[in-house]
């Protein structure tokens, strides 16, 4: 049962934890119809409904409903909505209701857009029910969603390799935790992860292994460790001179996410670039850094391979 995001391991309902998700601009559009007699539509258009202006009232009600969605639907998150609007298209026997909702949050606004349409339809029904007993509504559906993991369709999943750099792990004095986290994360995203290596800090074998892996078809290589401020933290110095070019946006995104959670993340060093057509990303060695990096990189990093093939951004 724990495969369902709204159920815990015991099968009880729970709210999805979106704490670790990245806040991005998100938008959703929904639509629906309310069917009625043509004379009722004429009365609405001519502002002849005794209860007042139907469409203005329905628009206000729909906007208010979008704002209050989290209060009506138990597992919805409370969102800071940045824009809501509702439009009406009048036909001979129905009124089409279209909504748009926007936010900059860590979860989508589909339910808010759908709530806006639904309550607008209910409001029209309430205001016209004394005149028309035939009214019905339906065909309420989401018609567009932008933002979050569905923002880009990333059909391409690269061949991934993971390198852990740590003296203590290489010597067998401690257990590698970040490496397995990264491996599991990329495997869960549908990637192949057939290359893994543990090296001591500052290992001179690093560049040779990366070169061999690239020749072996590894397209995304993620290193974990050796990015701190200590004298043995030499990962970035080792690879900086090997890059054909850097990808500073990856570094900036990882840093921004880390600093939003832990102040000491400002002391971590990160880098990313391309060597012979493969992307190399160097991360701090802690398990939390590995988890955070997966939240930032997946699935956006996959889009880089579409771009490198000359496809649309």
Protein backbone atom coordinates (compact mmCIF):
# COMPACT_ATOMS: atom_id res chain seq x y z
CA UNK A 1 0.00 0.00 0.00
CA UNK A 2 2.90 2.39 0.56
CA UNK A 3 3.20 2.76 -3.24
CA UNK A 4 0.27 5.18 -2.99
CA UNK A 5 1.39 8.68 -2.03
CA UNK A 6 -1.72 9.36 0.07
CA UNK A 7 -1.40 6.18 2.16
CA UNK A 8 1.12 5.31 4.85
CA UNK A 9 2.63 1.85 5.31
CA UNK A 10 -0.42 0.76 7.32
CA UNK A 11 -2.85 1.88 4.67
CA UNK A 12 -4.00 4.99 6.53
CA UNK A 13 -4.51 8.25 4.70
CA UNK A 14 -1.83 10.90 4.94
CA UNK A 15 -0.93 14.21 3.35
CA UNK A 16 1.95 14.03 0.88
CA UNK A 17 5.08 15.66 2.30
CA UNK A 18 6.25 18.26 -0.24
CA UNK A 19 8.81 19.87 2.06
CA UNK A 20 11.75 18.74 -0.06
CA UNK A 21 10.21 19.63 -3.42
CA UNK A 22 11.44 22.68 -5.26
CA UNK A 23 9.18 25.72 -5.48
CA UNK A 24 8.60 26.55 -9.13
CA UNK A 25 6.10 28.53 -11.19
CA UNK A 26 3.06 26.35 -11.76
CA UNK A 27 -0.14 26.84 -13.74
CA UNK A 28 -3.28 24.83 -14.33
CA UNK A 29 -6.32 25.35 -16.55
CA UNK A 30 -9.67 23.62 -16.17
CA UNK A 31 -13.05 23.79 -17.84
CA UNK A 32 -16.61 22.57 -17.44
CA UNK A 33 -20.15 23.16 -18.68
CA UNK A 34 -23.53 23.86 -17.16
CA UNK A 35 -26.46 22.95 -19.42
CA UNK A 36 -29.79 24.79 -19.28
CA UNK A 37 -32.76 26.02 -21.29
CA UNK A 38 -32.08 28.66 -23.91
CA UNK A 39 -34.51 31.04 -22.22
CA UNK A 40 -32.49 30.74 -19.00
CA UNK A 41 -29.34 31.66 -20.88
CA UNK A 42 -31.18 34.65 -22.38
CA UNK A 43 -32.24 35.75 -18.91
CA UNK A 44 -28.66 35.50 -17.68
CA UNK A 45 -27.35 37.47 -20.66
CA UNK A 46 -30.03 40.15 -20.19
CA UNK A 47 -29.36 40.34 -16.43
CA UNK A 48 -32.96 39.31 -15.71
CA UNK A 49 -32.29 36.74 -13.00
CA UNK A 50 -34.02 37.85 -9.75
CA UNK A 51 -31.01 36.96 -7.56
CA UNK A 52 -28.73 39.37 -9.44
CA UNK A 53 -25.85 39.24 -11.90
CA UNK A 54 -25.22 35.52 -12.30
CA UNK A 55 -21.86 35.41 -14.02
CA UNK A 56 -20.22 38.06 -11.84
CA UNK A 57 -21.38 36.24 -8.73
CA UNK A 58 -20.23 32.88 -10.14
CA UNK A 59 -16.81 34.32 -10.97
CA UNK A 60 -16.34 35.67 -7.46
CA UNK A 61 -17.50 32.35 -6.00
CA UNK A 62 -15.09 30.39 -8.22
CA UNK A 63 -12.14 32.57 -7.28
CA UNK A 64 -13.00 32.22 -3.61
CA UNK A 65 -13.31 28.44 -4.00
CA UNK A 66 -9.84 28.23 -5.55
CA UNK A 67 -8.43 30.04 -2.53
CA UNK A 68 -10.26 27.71 -0.14
CA UNK A 69 -9.57 24.41 -1.91
CA UNK A 70 -7.35 23.16 0.93
CA UNK A 71 -10.25 23.62 3.34
CA UNK A 72 -12.68 21.62 1.18
CA UNK A 73 -10.42 18.74 0.08
CA UNK A 74 -8.63 17.14 3.04
CA UNK A 75 -5.34 16.10 1.44
CA UNK A 76 -4.78 19.32 -0.53
CA UNK A 77 -1.98 21.64 0.53
CA UNK A 78 -2.53 25.27 1.40
CA UNK A 79 -1.08 27.29 -1.48
CA UNK A 80 -0.18 30.91 -1.93
CA UNK A 81 -2.00 31.55 -5.20
CA UNK A 82 -0.59 34.33 -7.34
CA UNK A 83 -3.39 34.51 -9.92
CA UNK A 84 -6.88 33.12 -10.48
CA UNK A 85 -9.30 33.98 -13.26
CA UNK A 86 -12.55 32.59 -14.65
CA UNK A 87 -14.11 33.18 -18.05
CA UNK A 88 -17.53 32.22 -19.41
CA UNK A 89 -18.41 31.26 -22.98
CA UNK A 90 -22.15 31.37 -23.64
CA UNK A 91 -23.74 28.97 -26.14
CA UNK A 92 -27.36 28.27 -27.03
CA UNK A 93 -27.93 25.56 -24.41
CA UNK A 94 -24.94 25.69 -22.08
CA UNK A 95 -22.36 27.99 -20.51
CA UNK A 96 -18.75 26.87 -20.67
CA UNK A 97 -16.66 27.81 -17.64
CA UNK A 98 -12.88 28.13 -18.00
CA UNK A 99 -10.47 28.72 -15.13
CA UNK A 100 -6.77 29.39 -14.75
CA UNK A 101 -4.77 29.25 -11.52
CA UNK A 102 -1.12 30.12 -10.92
CA UNK A 103 1.30 29.82 -8.04
CA UNK A 104 4.98 29.58 -7.23
CA UNK A 105 4.99 26.66 -4.85
CA UNK A 106 6.25 23.11 -4.39
CA UNK A 107 3.06 21.43 -5.57
CA UNK A 108 0.59 21.97 -8.40
CA UNK A 109 -2.65 23.96 -8.68
CA UNK A 110 -4.83 21.46 -10.56
CA UNK A 111 -7.32 21.09 -7.72
CA UNK A 112 -7.62 24.85 -7.34
CA UNK A 113 -8.45 25.27 -11.03
CA UNK A 114 -10.98 22.43 -10.88
CA UNK A 115 -12.54 23.80 -7.69
CA UNK A 116 -12.96 27.19 -9.34
CA UNK A 117 -14.91 25.67 -12.25
CA UNK A 118 -17.00 23.42 -10.00
CA UNK A 119 -18.11 26.11 -7.57
CA UNK A 120 -18.75 28.60 -10.36
CA UNK A 121 -21.10 26.02 -11.92
CA UNK A 122 -22.78 25.38 -8.57
CA UNK A 123 -23.28 29.11 -8.10
CA UNK A 124 -24.92 29.48 -11.50
CA UNK A 125 -27.18 26.56 -10.61
CA UNK A 126 -28.12 28.10 -7.27
CA UNK A 127 -28.95 31.47 -8.78
CA UNK A 128 -31.06 30.02 -11.61
CA UNK A 129 -32.73 26.98 -10.03
CA UNK A 130 -35.98 28.79 -9.40
CA UNK A 131 -36.37 29.40 -13.14
CA UNK A 132 -34.91 26.20 -14.59
CA UNK A 133 -35.38 22.69 -13.17
CA UNK A 134 -33.56 21.04 -16.08
CA UNK A 135 -30.06 22.35 -15.36
CA UNK A 136 -27.15 19.93 -15.15
CA UNK A 137 -23.41 20.30 -15.21
CA UNK A 138 -20.43 18.15 -16.06
CA UNK A 139 -17.51 17.63 -18.41
CA UNK A 140 -15.36 19.24 -15.72
CA UNK A 141 -11.74 18.42 -16.50
CA UNK A 142 -8.15 19.60 -16.35
CA UNK A 143 -7.05 20.81 -19.77
CA UNK A 144 -3.49 22.02 -19.14
CA UNK A 145 -0.82 21.83 -16.46
CA UNK A 146 2.59 23.49 -16.45
CA UNK A 147 5.31 23.25 -13.82
CA UNK A 148 6.92 20.65 -11.59
CA UNK A 149 8.17 17.28 -12.80
CA UNK A 150 5.72 17.16 -15.67
CA UNK A 151 7.00 20.44 -17.11
CA UNK A 152 9.32 18.70 -19.57
CA UNK A 153 8.71 15.33 -21.11
CA UNK A 154 12.06 13.61 -20.66
CA UNK A 155 11.87 10.38 -22.57
CA UNK A 156 15.65 9.97 -22.54
CA UNK A 157 17.24 8.39 -19.48
CA UNK A 158 21.06 8.47 -19.47
CA UNK A 159 23.52 5.79 -18.48
CA UNK A 160 24.74 6.91 -15.04
CA UNK A 161 27.93 6.26 -13.08
CA UNK A 162 28.53 7.08 -9.40
CA UNK A 163 31.94 7.73 -7.79
CA UNK A 164 32.34 8.16 -4.04
CA UNK A 165 35.52 9.88 -2.85
CA UNK A 166 36.41 9.35 0.80
CA UNK A 167 39.54 8.22 2.63
CA UNK A 168 37.57 6.53 5.42
CA UNK A 169 35.23 4.67 3.06
CA UNK A 170 38.08 3.61 0.78
CA UNK A 171 40.00 2.32 3.82
CA UNK A 172 36.95 0.40 5.08
CA UNK A 173 36.64 2.50 8.25
CA UNK A 174 33.14 3.75 7.40
CA UNK A 175 30.25 2.75 5.17
CA UNK A 176 29.34 4.51 1.93
CA UNK A 177 25.89 6.05 2.38
CA UNK A 178 25.70 8.76 -0.27
CA UNK A 179 26.68 6.46 -3.16
CA UNK A 180 23.80 4.00 -2.64
CA UNK A 181 21.36 6.92 -2.21
CA UNK A 182 22.39 8.34 -5.57
CA UNK A 183 22.28 4.93 -7.24
CA UNK A 184 18.79 4.19 -5.93
CA UNK A 185 17.58 7.64 -6.93
CA UNK A 186 18.69 7.32 -10.54
CA UNK A 187 17.52 3.71 -10.79
CA UNK A 188 14.08 4.76 -9.55
CA UNK A 189 14.03 7.45 -12.25
CA UNK A 190 14.53 4.81 -14.94
CA UNK A 191 18.27 5.22 -15.55
CA UNK A 192 20.86 2.50 -15.93
CA UNK A 193 23.50 2.60 -13.19
CA UNK A 194 26.06 -0.06 -14.05
CA UNK A 195 29.21 1.80 -12.99
CA UNK A 196 30.14 2.50 -9.37
CA UNK A 197 33.48 3.16 -7.71
CA UNK A 198 34.87 4.20 -4.34
CA UNK A 199 38.17 6.12 -4.33
CA UNK A 200 40.21 7.85 -1.63
CA UNK A 201 40.13 11.63 -1.51
CA UNK A 202 42.34 13.26 -4.11
CA UNK A 203 42.84 10.00 -6.01
CA UNK A 204 44.87 10.37 -9.19
CA UNK A 205 42.76 7.58 -10.69
CA UNK A 206 39.67 9.83 -10.84
CA UNK A 207 40.27 11.36 -14.26
CA UNK A 208 41.31 8.03 -15.78
CA UNK A 209 38.20 6.27 -14.48
CA UNK A 210 35.96 9.04 -15.81
CA UNK A 211 37.67 8.83 -19.19
CA UNK A 212 37.23 5.05 -19.28
CA UNK A 213 33.58 5.31 -18.29
CA UNK A 214 32.88 7.91 -20.97
CA UNK A 215 34.45 5.60 -23.54
CA UNK A 216 32.23 2.85 -22.13
CA UNK A 217 29.08 4.90 -22.80
CA UNK A 218 28.42 6.49 -19.41
CA UNK A 219 26.67 9.78 -20.11
CA UNK A 220 26.14 11.21 -16.60
CA UNK A 221 28.81 10.80 -13.92
CA UNK A 222 28.10 12.01 -10.40
CA UNK A 223 30.89 12.22 -7.84
CA UNK A 224 30.17 12.42 -4.11
CA UNK A 225 32.75 13.77 -1.68
CA UNK A 226 36.00 15.70 -1.75
CA UNK A 227 34.31 19.09 -2.23
CA UNK A 228 34.81 20.59 1.23
CA UNK A 229 37.45 22.99 2.51
CA UNK A 230 39.98 20.48 3.83
CA UNK A 231 43.42 19.83 2.39
CA UNK A 232 42.29 16.45 1.01
CA UNK A 233 39.18 17.86 -0.69
CA UNK A 234 40.58 17.91 -4.22
CA UNK A 235 37.75 16.66 -6.42
CA UNK A 236 36.93 20.03 -7.95
CA UNK A 237 40.58 20.99 -8.46
CA UNK A 238 41.17 17.66 -10.18
CA UNK A 239 38.27 17.97 -12.61
CA UNK A 240 38.17 21.71 -13.27
CA UNK A 241 41.00 21.43 -15.77
CA UNK A 242 39.31 18.51 -17.54
CA UNK A 243 36.00 20.17 -18.41
CA UNK A 244 35.33 21.12 -22.02
CA UNK A 245 32.86 23.63 -20.60
CA UNK A 246 31.01 24.23 -17.35
CA UNK A 247 27.27 24.24 -16.59
CA UNK A 248 27.01 26.92 -13.88
CA UNK A 249 23.21 26.71 -13.62
CA UNK A 250 23.44 23.23 -12.08
CA UNK A 251 25.86 24.47 -9.44
CA UNK A 252 23.70 27.51 -8.70
CA UNK A 253 20.52 25.44 -8.37
CA UNK A 254 22.13 22.92 -6.04
CA UNK A 255 23.60 25.68 -3.90
CA UNK A 256 20.32 27.60 -3.72
CA UNK A 257 18.40 24.51 -2.65
CA UNK A 258 20.97 23.58 -0.02
CA UNK A 259 21.16 27.08 1.45
CA UNK A 260 17.38 27.12 1.74
CA UNK A 261 17.61 24.19 4.16
CA UNK A 262 20.95 24.47 5.99
CA UNK A 263 23.06 27.60 6.42
CA UNK A 264 26.32 25.64 6.35
CA UNK A 265 25.54 24.65 2.75
CA UNK A 266 27.18 27.93 1.79
CA UNK A 267 30.51 26.29 2.68
CA UNK A 268 30.05 23.40 0.28
CA UNK A 269 31.72 23.50 -3.12
CA UNK A 270 29.97 22.19 -6.20
CA UNK A 271 30.73 22.06 -9.88
CA UNK A 272 29.30 20.64 -13.07
CA UNK A 273 30.47 20.49 -16.64
CA UNK A 274 30.86 18.46 -19.80
CA UNK A 275 33.75 16.19 -20.77
CA UNK A 276 33.65 14.60 -24.23
CA UNK A 277 29.86 14.88 -24.39
CA UNK A 278 29.19 13.45 -20.92
CA UNK A 279 27.96 15.51 -17.98
CA UNK A 280 30.01 15.38 -14.78
CA UNK A 281 28.51 16.69 -11.52
CA UNK A 282 30.56 16.94 -8.32
CA UNK A 283 28.57 16.87 -5.07
CA UNK A 284 29.35 17.05 -1.35
CA UNK A 285 29.69 13.67 0.30
CA UNK A 286 26.97 13.71 2.96
CA UNK A 287 23.83 11.56 2.66
CA UNK A 288 21.65 14.67 2.99
CA UNK A 289 23.51 16.33 0.13
CA UNK A 290 22.88 13.25 -2.01
CA UNK A 291 19.15 13.31 -1.22
CA UNK A 292 18.90 17.05 -1.85
CA UNK A 293 20.77 16.72 -5.13
CA UNK A 294 18.33 14.10 -6.39
CA UNK A 295 15.44 16.48 -5.67
CA UNK A 296 17.14 19.17 -7.76
CA UNK A 297 18.55 17.05 -10.58
CA UNK A 298 15.71 14.62 -11.32
CA UNK A 299 14.12 14.92 -13.82
CA UNK A 300 15.48 18.29 -15.02
CA UNK A 301 18.99 17.00 -15.70
CA UNK A 302 17.59 14.52 -18.24
CA UNK A 303 16.43 17.44 -20.38
CA UNK A 304 20.08 18.39 -20.84
CA UNK A 305 20.58 15.36 -23.06
CA UNK A 306 17.72 16.45 -25.33
CA UNK A 307 19.36 19.88 -25.54
CA UNK A 308 22.78 18.42 -26.28
CA UNK A 309 21.22 16.52 -29.19
CA UNK A 310 20.02 19.85 -30.62
CA UNK A 311 16.38 19.36 -29.70
CA UNK A 312 14.06 22.12 -28.46
CA UNK A 313 14.59 23.69 -25.06
